[in-house]
Amino acid sequence: MHAEQQLWRTEKYRVMYYSQAHYNQIRHMMRDGCTLEELQQTINEALTLTPTDGSRSNALQHMWGYFKKQTTDEQKARYIKLLEEKQWGALRAYLATLAQQYNVVYLQQSTILQQD
């Protein structure tokens, strides 16, 4: 895997969390070919923005999709409660716990779930 692909793999959901526009821009950059420096610069740019409730919700719902069919009713209820109450930090921590429990390596490696 190229360095650009590896970086995007780990930063994808964090960028989506901060900026859907930058996420879309990077998808095109990756398709068309970009340097590691260009990719890092665009990621850094996205991370300077203040995420909206919509961008946060969108990214977290994408991550939830990795294990929503495996979770218990209690886990689903907790996820929905945290989402509805917009408890973004608690929800990220909860998704990190579920990624560990259900061994979703792709999400475990995502920087958005490694933040405090």
Protein backbone atom coordinates (compact mmCIF):
# COMPACT_ATOMS: atom_id res chain seq x y z
CA MET A 1 0.00 0.00 0.00
CA HIS A 2 1.34 3.43 -0.93
CA ALA A 3 1.99 6.00 1.79
CA GLU A 4 -0.87 8.17 0.50
CA GLN A 5 -3.33 5.28 0.70
CA GLN A 6 -2.14 4.36 4.19
CA LEU A 7 -2.49 7.93 5.43
CA TRP A 8 -5.97 8.31 3.92
CA ARG A 9 -7.02 4.97 5.38
CA THR A 10 -6.28 6.19 8.90
CA GLU A 11 -7.52 9.79 8.46
CA LYS A 12 -10.65 9.25 6.34
CA TYR A 13 -13.25 9.40 9.10
CA ARG A 14 -11.50 12.17 10.99
CA VAL A 15 -11.59 14.34 7.86
CA MET A 16 -15.25 13.42 7.29
CA TYR A 17 -15.97 14.37 10.92
CA TYR A 18 -14.48 17.84 10.41
CA SER A 19 -15.42 18.61 6.81
CA GLN A 20 -17.49 16.76 4.23
CA ALA A 21 -16.17 19.16 1.56
CA HIS A 22 -12.54 18.26 2.33
CA TYR A 23 -13.47 14.58 2.44
CA ASN A 24 -14.94 14.85 -1.06
CA GLN A 25 -11.94 16.87 -2.26
CA ILE A 26 -9.52 14.23 -1.00
CA ARG A 27 -11.52 11.41 -2.60
CA HIS A 28 -11.01 13.17 -5.95
CA MET A 29 -7.34 13.83 -5.19
CA MET A 30 -6.80 10.16 -4.40
CA ARG A 31 -8.58 9.10 -7.58
CA ASP A 32 -6.60 11.54 -9.74
CA GLY A 33 -3.29 11.01 -7.95
CA CYS A 34 -1.69 13.30 -5.40
CA THR A 35 1.50 13.53 -3.44
CA LEU A 36 1.77 12.65 0.22
CA GLU A 37 2.47 16.33 0.93
CA GLU A 38 -0.67 17.49 -0.91
CA LEU A 39 -2.75 14.94 0.94
CA GLN A 40 -1.31 15.89 4.34
CA GLN A 41 -1.84 19.59 3.63
CA THR A 42 -5.51 19.05 2.74
CA ILE A 43 -6.05 16.87 5.82
CA ASN A 44 -4.44 19.53 8.02
CA GLU A 45 -6.65 22.17 6.43
CA ALA A 46 -9.79 20.16 7.23
CA LEU A 47 -8.72 19.71 10.84
CA THR A 48 -8.55 23.47 11.38
CA LEU A 49 -12.30 23.75 10.83
CA THR A 50 -14.99 23.53 13.48
CA PRO A 51 -17.06 20.43 12.75
CA THR A 52 -20.80 20.85 12.38
CA ASP A 53 -23.29 18.57 14.08
CA GLY A 54 -24.13 17.26 10.62
CA SER A 55 -20.54 16.38 9.71
CA ARG A 56 -19.99 14.75 13.10
CA SER A 57 -23.18 12.74 12.87
CA ASN A 58 -22.44 11.66 9.29
CA ALA A 59 -18.94 10.37 10.10
CA LEU A 60 -20.06 8.55 13.25
CA GLN A 61 -22.99 6.95 11.45
CA HIS A 62 -20.63 5.69 8.73
CA MET A 63 -18.46 4.08 11.42
CA TRP A 64 -21.51 2.59 13.17
CA GLY A 65 -22.33 0.81 9.91
CA TYR A 66 -19.34 -1.52 10.37
CA PHE A 67 -20.98 -3.40 13.23
CA LYS A 68 -24.60 -2.29 13.53
CA LYS A 69 -25.87 -5.75 12.52
CA GLN A 70 -23.80 -7.46 15.22
CA THR A 71 -24.62 -5.27 18.20
CA THR A 72 -27.09 -6.07 20.95
CA ASP A 73 -30.32 -4.15 21.43
CA GLU A 74 -28.75 -2.46 24.45
CA GLN A 75 -25.73 -1.36 22.41
CA LYS A 76 -28.00 0.01 19.67
CA ALA A 77 -30.06 1.90 22.24
CA ARG A 78 -26.93 3.43 23.78
CA TYR A 79 -25.64 4.45 20.35
CA ILE A 80 -28.95 6.10 19.45
CA LYS A 81 -29.12 7.91 22.80
CA LEU A 82 -25.59 9.31 22.47
CA LEU A 83 -26.27 10.34 18.87
CA GLU A 84 -29.57 12.04 19.69
CA GLU A 85 -27.99 13.88 22.63
CA LYS A 86 -25.05 14.94 20.43
CA GLN A 87 -22.54 13.60 22.94
CA TRP A 88 -19.81 13.51 20.31
CA GLY A 89 -16.84 12.67 22.54
CA ALA A 90 -18.73 9.94 24.39
CA LEU A 91 -20.01 8.54 21.11
CA ARG A 92 -16.51 8.39 19.61
CA ALA A 93 -15.28 6.60 22.74
CA TYR A 94 -18.23 4.18 22.55
CA LEU A 95 -17.56 3.42 18.89
CA ALA A 96 -13.90 2.79 19.77
CA THR A 97 -15.05 0.30 22.41
CA LEU A 98 -17.34 -1.44 19.92
CA ALA A 99 -14.56 -1.54 17.31
CA GLN A 100 -12.41 -3.37 19.88
CA GLN A 101 -15.23 -5.68 20.95
CA TYR A 102 -16.15 -6.66 17.39
CA ASN A 103 -12.53 -6.55 16.17
CA VAL A 104 -13.07 -4.05 13.37
CA VAL A 105 -9.39 -3.41 12.63
CA TYR A 106 -10.08 -0.74 10.01
CA LEU A 107 -11.84 1.40 12.62
CA GLN A 108 -9.34 0.55 15.35
CA GLN A 109 -6.67 2.11 13.14
CA SER A 110 -8.74 5.24 12.44
CA THR A 111 -7.34 8.35 14.08
CA ILE A 112 -10.81 9.69 14.92
CA LEU A 113 -11.28 6.87 17.43
CA GLN A 114 -7.81 7.31 18.91
CA GLN A 115 -8.42 10.89 20.07
CA ASP A 116 -9.21 11.71 23.68
